[in-house]
């Protein structure tokens, strides 16, 4: 079974780095299953998530619910993180007594 990675992208209007992030995510999505959600950083939810994740400016990227980056998204760093997350995989659950 292949694990789909949850990606949340906090964007804003007229943001060239946001467009770059979307391009990087599309490329990475060709090799890794990604579930991408885009949220406007200026919305109530976007401001809340941005504050919780420490996003100083758009685009903010959360990988599987954890802060990953803000500003220019590095394709190399993203691919390494996706590969590592896939290799580690989910923690097996303990049998119940």
PDB file of N, CA and C in Angstrom:
ATOM      1  N   UNK A   1       0.846  -1.181   0.000  1.00  0.00           N
ATOM      2  CA  UNK A   1       0.000   0.000   0.000  1.00  0.00           C
ATOM      3  C   UNK A   1       0.889   1.241   0.000  1.00  0.00           C
ATOM      4  N   UNK A   2       0.600   2.196  -0.838  1.00  0.00           N
ATOM      5  CA  UNK A   2       1.364   3.429  -0.927  1.00  0.00           C
ATOM      6  C   UNK A   2       0.724   4.486  -0.047  1.00  0.00           C
ATOM      7  N   UNK A   3       1.567   5.161   0.724  1.00  0.00           N
ATOM      8  CA  UNK A   3       1.087   6.200   1.626  1.00  0.00           C
ATOM      9  C   UNK A   3       0.958   7.515   0.882  1.00  0.00           C
ATOM     10  N   UNK A   4      -0.185   8.157   1.026  1.00  0.00           N
ATOM     11  CA  UNK A   4      -0.383   9.482   0.450  1.00  0.00           C
ATOM     12  C   UNK A   4       0.034  10.514   1.491  1.00  0.00           C
ATOM     13  N   UNK A   5       0.833  11.475   1.077  1.00  0.00           N
ATOM     14  CA  UNK A   5       1.310  12.519   1.976  1.00  0.00           C
ATOM     15  C   UNK A   5       0.366  13.709   1.911  1.00  0.00           C
ATOM     16  N   UNK A   6      -0.024  14.223   3.086  1.00  0.00           N
ATOM     17  CA  UNK A   6      -0.888  15.400   3.155  1.00  0.00           C
ATOM     18  C   UNK A   6      -0.030  16.655   3.058  1.00  0.00           C
ATOM     19  N   UNK A   7      -0.309  17.469   2.075  1.00  0.00           N
ATOM     20  CA  UNK A   7       0.392  18.732   1.886  1.00  0.00           C
ATOM     21  C   UNK A   7      -0.631  19.853   2.007  1.00  0.00           C
ATOM     22  N   UNK A   8      -0.352  20.807   2.872  1.00  0.00           N
ATOM     23  CA  UNK A   8      -1.174  22.006   2.976  1.00  0.00           C
ATOM     24  C   UNK A   8      -0.307  23.167   2.525  1.00  0.00           C
ATOM     25  N   UNK A   9      -0.806  23.931   1.549  1.00  0.00           N
ATOM     26  CA  UNK A   9      -0.064  25.075   1.025  1.00  0.00           C
ATOM     27  C   UNK A   9      -0.832  26.340   1.372  1.00  0.00           C
ATOM     28  N   UNK A  10      -0.181  27.220   2.117  1.00  0.00           N
ATOM     29  CA  UNK A  10      -0.775  28.510   2.478  1.00  0.00           C
ATOM     30  C   UNK A  10      -0.300  29.526   1.450  1.00  0.00           C
ATOM     31  N   UNK A  11      -1.241  30.039   0.664  1.00  0.00           N
ATOM     32  CA  UNK A  11      -0.897  30.924  -0.448  1.00  0.00           C
ATOM     33  C   UNK A  11      -1.574  32.279  -0.299  1.00  0.00           C
ATOM     34  N   UNK A  12      -1.197  33.180  -1.179  1.00  0.00           N
ATOM     35  CA  UNK A  12      -1.895  34.463  -1.269  1.00  0.00           C
ATOM     36  C   UNK A  12      -1.885  34.910  -2.722  1.00  0.00           C
ATOM     37  N   UNK A  13      -2.742  35.870  -3.032  1.00  0.00           N
ATOM     38  CA  UNK A  13      -2.885  36.357  -4.407  1.00  0.00           C
ATOM     39  C   UNK A  13      -1.596  37.030  -4.875  1.00  0.00           C
ATOM     40  N   UNK A  14      -1.360  36.969  -6.178  1.00  0.00           N
ATOM     41  CA  UNK A  14      -0.212  37.626  -6.813  1.00  0.00           C
ATOM     42  C   UNK A  14       1.107  37.251  -6.154  1.00  0.00           C
ATOM     43  N   UNK A  15       1.311  35.967  -5.925  1.00  0.00           N
ATOM     44  CA  UNK A  15       2.500  35.469  -5.228  1.00  0.00           C
ATOM     45  C   UNK A  15       3.278  34.555  -6.173  1.00  0.00           C
ATOM     46  N   UNK A  16       4.381  35.056  -6.706  1.00  0.00           N
ATOM     47  CA  UNK A  16       5.192  34.264  -7.636  1.00  0.00           C
ATOM     48  C   UNK A  16       5.763  33.020  -6.959  1.00  0.00           C
ATOM     49  N   UNK A  17       6.157  33.137  -5.695  1.00  0.00           N
ATOM     50  CA  UNK A  17       6.695  31.977  -4.987  1.00  0.00           C
ATOM     51  C   UNK A  17       5.617  30.921  -4.742  1.00  0.00           C
ATOM     52  N   UNK A  18       4.365  31.360  -4.642  1.00  0.00           N
ATOM     53  CA  UNK A  18       3.252  30.412  -4.492  1.00  0.00           C
ATOM     54  C   UNK A  18       3.092  29.599  -5.774  1.00  0.00           C
ATOM     55  N   UNK A  19       3.198  30.257  -6.909  1.00  0.00           N
ATOM     56  CA  UNK A  19       3.109  29.558  -8.196  1.00  0.00           C
ATOM     57  C   UNK A  19       4.271  28.580  -8.338  1.00  0.00           C
ATOM     58  N   UNK A  20       5.466  29.004  -7.913  1.00  0.00           N
ATOM     59  CA  UNK A  20       6.635  28.120  -7.944  1.00  0.00           C
ATOM     60  C   UNK A  20       6.370  26.882  -7.078  1.00  0.00           C
ATOM     61  N   UNK A  21       5.829  27.082  -5.873  1.00  0.00           N
ATOM     62  CA  UNK A  21       5.541  25.961  -4.968  1.00  0.00           C
ATOM     63  C   UNK A  21       4.557  24.989  -5.614  1.00  0.00           C
ATOM     64  N   UNK A  22       3.542  25.500  -6.276  1.00  0.00           N
ATOM     65  CA  UNK A  22       2.556  24.634  -6.935  1.00  0.00           C
ATOM     66  C   UNK A  22       3.218  23.806  -8.035  1.00  0.00           C
ATOM     67  N   UNK A  23       4.159  24.410  -8.760  1.00  0.00           N
ATOM     68  CA  UNK A  23       4.889  23.696  -9.812  1.00  0.00           C
ATOM     69  C   UNK A  23       5.748  22.590  -9.208  1.00  0.00           C
ATOM     70  N   UNK A  24       6.468  22.909  -8.132  1.00  0.00           N
ATOM     71  CA  UNK A  24       7.306  21.916  -7.450  1.00  0.00           C
ATOM     72  C   UNK A  24       6.445  20.762  -6.941  1.00  0.00           C
ATOM     73  N   UNK A  25       5.304  21.075  -6.349  1.00  0.00           N
ATOM     74  CA  UNK A  25       4.418  20.033  -5.827  1.00  0.00           C
ATOM     75  C   UNK A  25       3.855  19.164  -6.948  1.00  0.00           C
ATOM     76  N   UNK A  26       3.545  19.771  -8.086  1.00  0.00           N
ATOM     77  CA  UNK A  26       3.048  18.992  -9.225  1.00  0.00           C
ATOM     78  C   UNK A  26       4.120  18.021  -9.714  1.00  0.00           C
ATOM     79  N   UNK A  27       5.371  18.474  -9.779  1.00  0.00           N
ATOM     80  CA  UNK A  27       6.476  17.599 -10.201  1.00  0.00           C
ATOM     81  C   UNK A  27       6.668  16.462  -9.200  1.00  0.00           C
ATOM     82  N   UNK A  28       6.690  16.791  -7.920  1.00  0.00           N
ATOM     83  CA  UNK A  28       6.884  15.766  -6.889  1.00  0.00           C
ATOM     84  C   UNK A  28       5.705  14.803  -6.861  1.00  0.00           C
ATOM     85  N   UNK A  29       4.518  15.302  -7.167  1.00  0.00           N
ATOM     86  CA  UNK A  29       3.325  14.474  -7.184  1.00  0.00           C
ATOM     87  C   UNK A  29       3.346  13.413  -8.265  1.00  0.00           C
ATOM     88  N   UNK A  30       4.198  13.597  -9.269  1.00  0.00           N
ATOM     89  CA  UNK A  30       4.330  12.585 -10.313  1.00  0.00           C
ATOM     90  C   UNK A  30       5.036  11.338  -9.776  1.00  0.00           C
ATOM     91  N   UNK A  31       5.830  11.504  -8.707  1.00  0.00           N
ATOM     92  CA  UNK A  31       6.592  10.390  -8.140  1.00  0.00           C
ATOM     93  C   UNK A  31       6.104   9.933  -6.770  1.00  0.00           C
ATOM     94  N   UNK A  32       5.349  10.784  -6.098  1.00  0.00           N
ATOM     95  CA  UNK A  32       4.860  10.482  -4.754  1.00  0.00           C
ATOM     96  C   UNK A  32       3.379  10.843  -4.689  1.00  0.00           C
ATOM     97  N   UNK A  33       2.545   9.982  -4.101  1.00  0.00           N
ATOM     98  CA  UNK A  33       1.127  10.332  -3.973  1.00  0.00           C
ATOM     99  C   UNK A  33       0.943  11.464  -2.962  1.00  0.00           C
ATOM    100  N   UNK A  34       0.403  12.580  -3.428  1.00  0.00           N
ATOM    101  CA  UNK A  34       0.208  13.752  -2.582  1.00  0.00           C
ATOM    102  C   UNK A  34      -1.266  14.120  -2.521  1.00  0.00           C
ATOM    103  N   UNK A  35      -1.724  14.462  -1.340  1.00  0.00           N
ATOM    104  CA  UNK A  35      -3.073  14.983  -1.127  1.00  0.00           C
ATOM    105  C   UNK A  35      -2.884  16.460  -0.774  1.00  0.00           C
ATOM    106  N   UNK A  36      -3.051  17.337  -1.765  1.00  0.00           N
ATOM    107  CA  UNK A  36      -2.711  18.752  -1.613  1.00  0.00           C
ATOM    108  C   UNK A  36      -3.956  19.588  -1.343  1.00  0.00           C
ATOM    109  N   UNK A  37      -3.875  20.406  -0.298  1.00  0.00           N
ATOM    110  CA  UNK A  37      -4.927  21.360   0.034  1.00  0.00           C
ATOM    111  C   UNK A  37      -4.317  22.748  -0.002  1.00  0.00           C
ATOM    112  N   UNK A  38      -4.944  23.652  -0.734  1.00  0.00           N
ATOM    113  CA  UNK A  38      -4.473  25.036  -0.809  1.00  0.00           C
ATOM    114  C   UNK A  38      -5.402  25.916   0.024  1.00  0.00           C
ATOM    115  N   UNK A  39      -4.815  26.721   0.898  1.00  0.00           N
ATOM    116  CA  UNK A  39      -5.586  27.610   1.765  1.00  0.00           C
ATOM    117  C   UNK A  39      -5.023  29.016   1.645  1.00  0.00           C
ATOM    118  N   UNK A  40      -5.902  29.991   1.491  1.00  0.00           N
ATOM    119  CA  UNK A  40      -5.491  31.395   1.408  1.00  0.00           C
ATOM    120  C   UNK A  40      -4.939  31.827   2.764  1.00  0.00           C
ATOM    121  N   UNK A  41      -3.710  32.306   2.772  1.00  0.00           N
ATOM    122  CA  UNK A  41      -3.049  32.728   4.004  1.00  0.00           C
ATOM    123  C   UNK A  41      -3.762  33.895   4.670  1.00  0.00           C
ATOM    124  N   UNK A  42      -4.541  34.657   3.897  1.00  0.00           N
ATOM    125  CA  UNK A  42      -5.250  35.803   4.473  1.00  0.00           C
ATOM    126  C   UNK A  42      -6.620  35.430   5.043  1.00  0.00           C
ATOM    127  N   UNK A  43      -7.049  34.176   4.836  1.00  0.00           N
ATOM    128  CA  UNK A  43      -8.330  33.727   5.402  1.00  0.00           C
ATOM    129  C   UNK A  43      -8.146  33.456   6.897  1.00  0.00           C
ATOM    130  N   UNK A  44      -9.254  33.326   7.602  1.00  0.00           N
ATOM    131  CA  UNK A  44      -9.188  33.042   9.043  1.00  0.00           C
ATOM    132  C   UNK A  44      -8.422  31.743   9.301  1.00  0.00           C
ATOM    133  N   UNK A  45      -8.760  30.690   8.551  1.00  0.00           N
ATOM    134  CA  UNK A  45      -8.078  29.405   8.711  1.00  0.00           C
ATOM    135  C   UNK A  45      -6.600  29.523   8.339  1.00  0.00           C
ATOM    136  N   UNK A  46      -6.316  30.252   7.258  1.00  0.00           N
ATOM    137  CA  UNK A  46      -4.938  30.444   6.820  1.00  0.00           C
ATOM    138  C   UNK A  46      -4.100  31.182   7.852  1.00  0.00           C
ATOM    139  N   UNK A  47      -4.672  32.232   8.434  1.00  0.00           N
ATOM    140  CA  UNK A  47      -3.947  32.987   9.475  1.00  0.00           C
ATOM    141  C   UNK A  47      -3.680  32.109  10.694  1.00  0.00           C
ATOM    142  N   UNK A  48      -4.673  31.297  11.067  1.00  0.00           N
ATOM    143  CA  UNK A  48      -4.504  30.407  12.223  1.00  0.00           C
ATOM    144  C   UNK A  48      -3.411  29.374  11.961  1.00  0.00           C
ATOM    145  N   UNK A  49      -3.496  28.699  10.813  1.00  0.00           N
ATOM    146  CA  UNK A  49      -2.486  27.694  10.476  1.00  0.00           C
ATOM    147  C   UNK A  49      -1.103  28.323  10.341  1.00  0.00           C
ATOM    148  N   UNK A  50      -1.048  29.494   9.712  1.00  0.00           N
ATOM    149  CA  UNK A  50       0.226  30.186   9.548  1.00  0.00           C
ATOM    150  C   UNK A  50       0.863  30.524  10.883  1.00  0.00           C
ATOM    151  N   UNK A  51       0.053  31.008  11.817  1.00  0.00           N
ATOM    152  CA  UNK A  51       0.566  31.350  13.150  1.00  0.00           C
ATOM    153  C   UNK A  51       1.043  30.097  13.884  1.00  0.00           C
ATOM    154  N   UNK A  52       0.268  29.022  13.808  1.00  0.00           N
ATOM    155  CA  UNK A  52       0.644  27.771  14.478  1.00  0.00           C
ATOM    156  C   UNK A  52       1.927  27.184  13.900  1.00  0.00           C
ATOM    157  N   UNK A  53       2.112  27.322  12.583  1.00  0.00           N
ATOM    158  CA  UNK A  53       3.264  26.723  11.907  1.00  0.00           C
ATOM    159  C   UNK A  53       4.471  27.655  11.841  1.00  0.00           C
ATOM    160  N   UNK A  54       4.301  28.901  12.266  1.00  0.00           N
ATOM    161  CA  UNK A  54       5.414  29.846  12.208  1.00  0.00           C
ATOM    162  C   UNK A  54       5.712  30.339  10.807  1.00  0.00           C
ATOM    163  N   UNK A  55       4.697  30.368   9.953  1.00  0.00           N
ATOM    164  CA  UNK A  55       4.868  30.837   8.579  1.00  0.00           C
ATOM    165  C   UNK A  55       4.959  32.360   8.592  1.00  0.00           C
ATOM    166  N   UNK A  56       6.103  32.882   8.155  1.00  0.00           N
ATOM    167  CA  UNK A  56       6.307  34.327   8.150  1.00  0.00           C
ATOM    168  C   UNK A  56       5.761  34.985   6.892  1.00  0.00           C
ATOM    169  N   UNK A  57       5.790  34.240   5.769  1.00  0.00           N
ATOM    170  CA  UNK A  57       5.238  34.752   4.513  1.00  0.00           C
ATOM    171  C   UNK A  57       4.948  33.578   3.587  1.00  0.00           C
ATOM    172  N   UNK A  58       4.139  33.853   2.572  1.00  0.00           N
ATOM    173  CA  UNK A  58       3.703  32.815   1.635  1.00  0.00           C
ATOM    174  C   UNK A  58       4.834  32.448   0.670  1.00  0.00           C
ATOM    175  N   UNK A  59       4.776  31.244   0.168  1.00  0.00           N
ATOM    176  CA  UNK A  59       3.869  30.178   0.551  1.00  0.00           C
ATOM    177  C   UNK A  59       4.387  29.431   1.777  1.00  0.00           C
ATOM    178  N   UNK A  60       3.467  29.031   2.605  1.00  0.00           N
ATOM    179  CA  UNK A  60       3.803  28.156   3.726  1.00  0.00           C
ATOM    180  C   UNK A  60       3.408  26.745   3.343  1.00  0.00           C
ATOM    181  N   UNK A  61       4.265  25.782   3.650  1.00  0.00           N
ATOM    182  CA  UNK A  61       3.983  24.391   3.298  1.00  0.00           C
ATOM    183  C   UNK A  61       4.032  23.537   4.558  1.00  0.00           C
ATOM    184  N   UNK A  62       2.967  22.785   4.768  1.00  0.00           N
ATOM    185  CA  UNK A  62       2.915  21.822   5.863  1.00  0.00           C
ATOM    186  C   UNK A  62       2.925  20.436   5.249  1.00  0.00           C
ATOM    187  N   UNK A  63       3.772  19.576   5.760  1.00  0.00           N
ATOM    188  CA  UNK A  63       3.889  18.203   5.274  1.00  0.00           C
ATOM    189  C   UNK A  63       3.354  17.277   6.356  1.00  0.00           C
ATOM    190  N   UNK A  64       2.276  16.581   6.036  1.00  0.00           N
ATOM    191  CA  UNK A  64       1.625  15.673   6.991  1.00  0.00           C
ATOM    192  C   UNK A  64       1.311  16.381   8.306  1.00  0.00           C
ATOM    193  N   UNK A  65       0.843  17.631   8.191  1.00  0.00           N
ATOM    194  CA  UNK A  65       0.411  18.396   9.354  1.00  0.00           C
ATOM    195  C   UNK A  65       1.514  19.117  10.103  1.00  0.00           C
ATOM    196  N   UNK A  66       2.765  18.934   9.692  1.00  0.00           N
ATOM    197  CA  UNK A  66       3.900  19.559  10.365  1.00  0.00           C
ATOM    198  C   UNK A  66       4.490  20.667   9.494  1.00  0.00           C
ATOM    199  N   UNK A  67       4.953  21.761  10.112  1.00  0.00           N
ATOM    200  CA  UNK A  67       5.584  22.835   9.336  1.00  0.00           C
ATOM    201  C   UNK A  67       6.766  22.286   8.539  1.00  0.00           C
ATOM    202  N   UNK A  68       6.832  22.634   7.260  1.00  0.00           N
ATOM    203  CA  UNK A  68       7.929  22.176   6.408  1.00  0.00           C
ATOM    204  C   UNK A  68       8.755  23.344   5.893  1.00  0.00           C
ATOM    205  N   UNK A  69       8.084  24.360   5.316  1.00  0.00           N
ATOM    206  CA  UNK A  69       8.837  25.496   4.788  1.00  0.00           C
ATOM    207  C   UNK A  69       7.926  26.695   4.582  1.00  0.00           C
ATOM    208  N   UNK A  70       8.557  27.831   4.392  1.00  0.00           N
ATOM    209  CA  UNK A  70       7.853  29.016   3.903  1.00  0.00           C
ATOM    210  C   UNK A  70       8.807  29.738   2.976  1.00  0.00           C
ATOM    211  N   UNK A  71       8.237  30.525   2.067  1.00  0.00           N
ATOM    212  CA  UNK A  71       9.065  31.160   1.040  1.00  0.00           C
ATOM    213  C   UNK A  71       9.298  30.189  -0.105  1.00  0.00           C
ATOM    214  N   UNK A  72      10.444  30.306  -0.755  1.00  0.00           N
ATOM    215  CA  UNK A  72      10.749  29.470  -1.922  1.00  0.00           C
ATOM    216  C   UNK A  72      10.869  28.001  -1.513  1.00  0.00           C
ATOM    217  N   UNK A  73      10.052  27.150  -2.116  1.00  0.00           N
ATOM    218  CA  UNK A  73      10.041  25.720  -1.814  1.00  0.00           C
ATOM    219  C   UNK A  73      11.145  25.023  -2.597  1.00  0.00           C
ATOM    220  N   UNK A  74      12.012  24.310  -1.890  1.00  0.00           N
ATOM    221  CA  UNK A  74      13.099  23.561  -2.509  1.00  0.00           C
ATOM    222  C   UNK A  74      12.590  22.190  -2.958  1.00  0.00           C
ATOM    223  N   UNK A  75      12.670  21.936  -4.255  1.00  0.00           N
ATOM    224  CA  UNK A  75      12.221  20.640  -4.772  1.00  0.00           C
ATOM    225  C   UNK A  75      13.086  19.515  -4.211  1.00  0.00           C
ATOM    226  N   UNK A  76      14.382  19.725  -4.140  1.00  0.00           N
ATOM    227  CA  UNK A  76      15.291  18.694  -3.629  1.00  0.00           C
ATOM    228  C   UNK A  76      14.955  18.344  -2.170  1.00  0.00           C
ATOM    229  N   UNK A  77      14.778  19.371  -1.346  1.00  0.00           N
ATOM    230  CA  UNK A  77      14.461  19.141   0.071  1.00  0.00           C
ATOM    231  C   UNK A  77      13.108  18.434   0.217  1.00  0.00           C
ATOM    232  N   UNK A  78      12.129  18.840  -0.584  1.00  0.00           N
ATOM    233  CA  UNK A  78      10.812  18.210  -0.531  1.00  0.00           C
ATOM    234  C   UNK A  78      10.904  16.738  -0.910  1.00  0.00           C
ATOM    235  N   UNK A  79      11.608  16.441  -1.995  1.00  0.00           N
ATOM    236  CA  UNK A  79      11.733  15.049  -2.430  1.00  0.00           C
ATOM    237  C   UNK A  79      12.429  14.189  -1.374  1.00  0.00           C
ATOM    238  N   UNK A  80      13.470  14.740  -0.746  1.00  0.00           N
ATOM    239  CA  UNK A  80      14.161  13.994   0.318  1.00  0.00           C
ATOM    240  C   UNK A  80      13.206  13.711   1.480  1.00  0.00           C
ATOM    241  N   UNK A  81      12.429  14.714   1.864  1.00  0.00           N
ATOM    242  CA  UNK A  81      11.486  14.551   2.977  1.00  0.00           C
ATOM    243  C   UNK A  81      10.403  13.531   2.630  1.00  0.00           C
ATOM    244  N   UNK A  82       9.897  13.576   1.408  1.00  0.00           N
ATOM    245  CA  UNK A  82       8.870  12.615   0.991  1.00  0.00           C
ATOM    246  C   UNK A  82       9.426  11.200   0.974  1.00  0.00           C
ATOM    247  N   UNK A  83      10.651  11.055   0.470  1.00  0.00           N
ATOM    248  CA  UNK A  83      11.285   9.737   0.428  1.00  0.00           C
ATOM    249  C   UNK A  83      11.499   9.211   1.847  1.00  0.00           C
ATOM    250  N   UNK A  84      11.989  10.068   2.735  1.00  0.00           N
ATOM    251  CA  UNK A  84      12.225   9.660   4.125  1.00  0.00           C
ATOM    252  C   UNK A  84      10.913   9.275   4.804  1.00  0.00           C
ATOM    253  N   UNK A  85       9.868  10.054   4.585  1.00  0.00           N
ATOM    254  CA  UNK A  85       8.572   9.767   5.207  1.00  0.00           C
ATOM    255  C   UNK A  85       7.991   8.464   4.668  1.00  0.00           C
ATOM    256  N   UNK A  86       8.228   8.175   3.408  1.00  0.00           N
ATOM    257  CA  UNK A  86       7.732   6.943   2.797  1.00  0.00           C
ATOM    258  C   UNK A  86       8.521   5.748   3.312  1.00  0.00           C
ATOM    259  N   UNK A  87       9.847   5.922   3.465  1.00  0.00           N
ATOM    260  CA  UNK A  87      10.705   4.842   3.935  1.00  0.00           C
ATOM    261  C   UNK A  87      10.383   4.474   5.372  1.00  0.00           C
ATOM    262  N   UNK A  88      10.177   5.496   6.200  1.00  0.00           N
ATOM    263  CA  UNK A  88       9.869   5.260   7.605  1.00  0.00           C
ATOM    264  C   UNK A  88       8.490   4.641   7.731  1.00  0.00           C
ATOM    265  N   UNK A  89       7.535   5.226   7.041  1.00  0.00           N
ATOM    266  CA  UNK A  89       6.173   4.701   7.033  1.00  0.00           C
ATOM    267  C   UNK A  89       5.497   4.827   8.375  1.00  0.00           C
ATOM    268  N   UNK A  90       4.273   4.350   8.464  1.00  0.00           N
ATOM    269  CA  UNK A  90       3.522   4.452   9.709  1.00  0.00           C
ATOM    270  C   UNK A  90       4.089   3.513  10.770  1.00  0.00           C
ATOM    271  N   UNK A  91       3.943   3.908  12.010  1.00  0.00           N
ATOM    272  CA  UNK A  91       4.378   3.076  13.126  1.00  0.00           C
ATOM    273  C   UNK A  91       3.351   1.971  13.333  1.00  0.00           C
ATOM    274  N   UNK A  92       3.821   0.718  13.420  1.00  0.00           N
ATOM    275  CA  UNK A  92       2.861  -0.371  13.636  1.00  0.00           C
ATOM    276  C   UNK A  92       2.170  -0.210  14.986  1.00  0.00           C
ATOM    277  N   UNK A  93       0.925  -0.611  15.035  1.00  0.00           N
ATOM    278  CA  UNK A  93       0.183  -0.511  16.293  1.00  0.00           C
ATOM    279  C   UNK A  93       0.479  -1.732  17.146  1.00  0.00           C
ATOM    280  N   UNK A  94       0.446  -1.526  18.452  1.00  0.00           N
ATOM    281  CA  UNK A  94       0.675  -2.631  19.387  1.00  0.00           C
ATOM    282  C   UNK A  94      -0.590  -3.469  19.482  1.00  0.00           C
ATOM    283  N   UNK A  95      -0.421  -4.777  19.596  1.00  0.00           N
ATOM    284  CA  UNK A  95      -1.615  -5.612  19.767  1.00  0.00           C
ATOM    285  C   UNK A  95      -2.255  -5.315  21.118  1.00  0.00           C
ATOM    286  N   UNK A  96      -3.567  -5.376  21.149  1.00  0.00           N
ATOM    287  CA  UNK A  96      -4.274  -5.122  22.405  1.00  0.00           C
ATOM    288  C   UNK A  96      -4.382  -6.414  23.193  1.00  0.00           C
ATOM    289  N   UNK A  97      -4.361  -6.279  24.499  1.00  0.00           N
ATOM    290  CA  UNK A  97      -4.445  -7.468  25.367  1.00  0.00           C
ATOM    291  C   UNK A  97      -5.875  -7.825  25.660  1.00  0.00           C
TER     292      UNK A  97
END
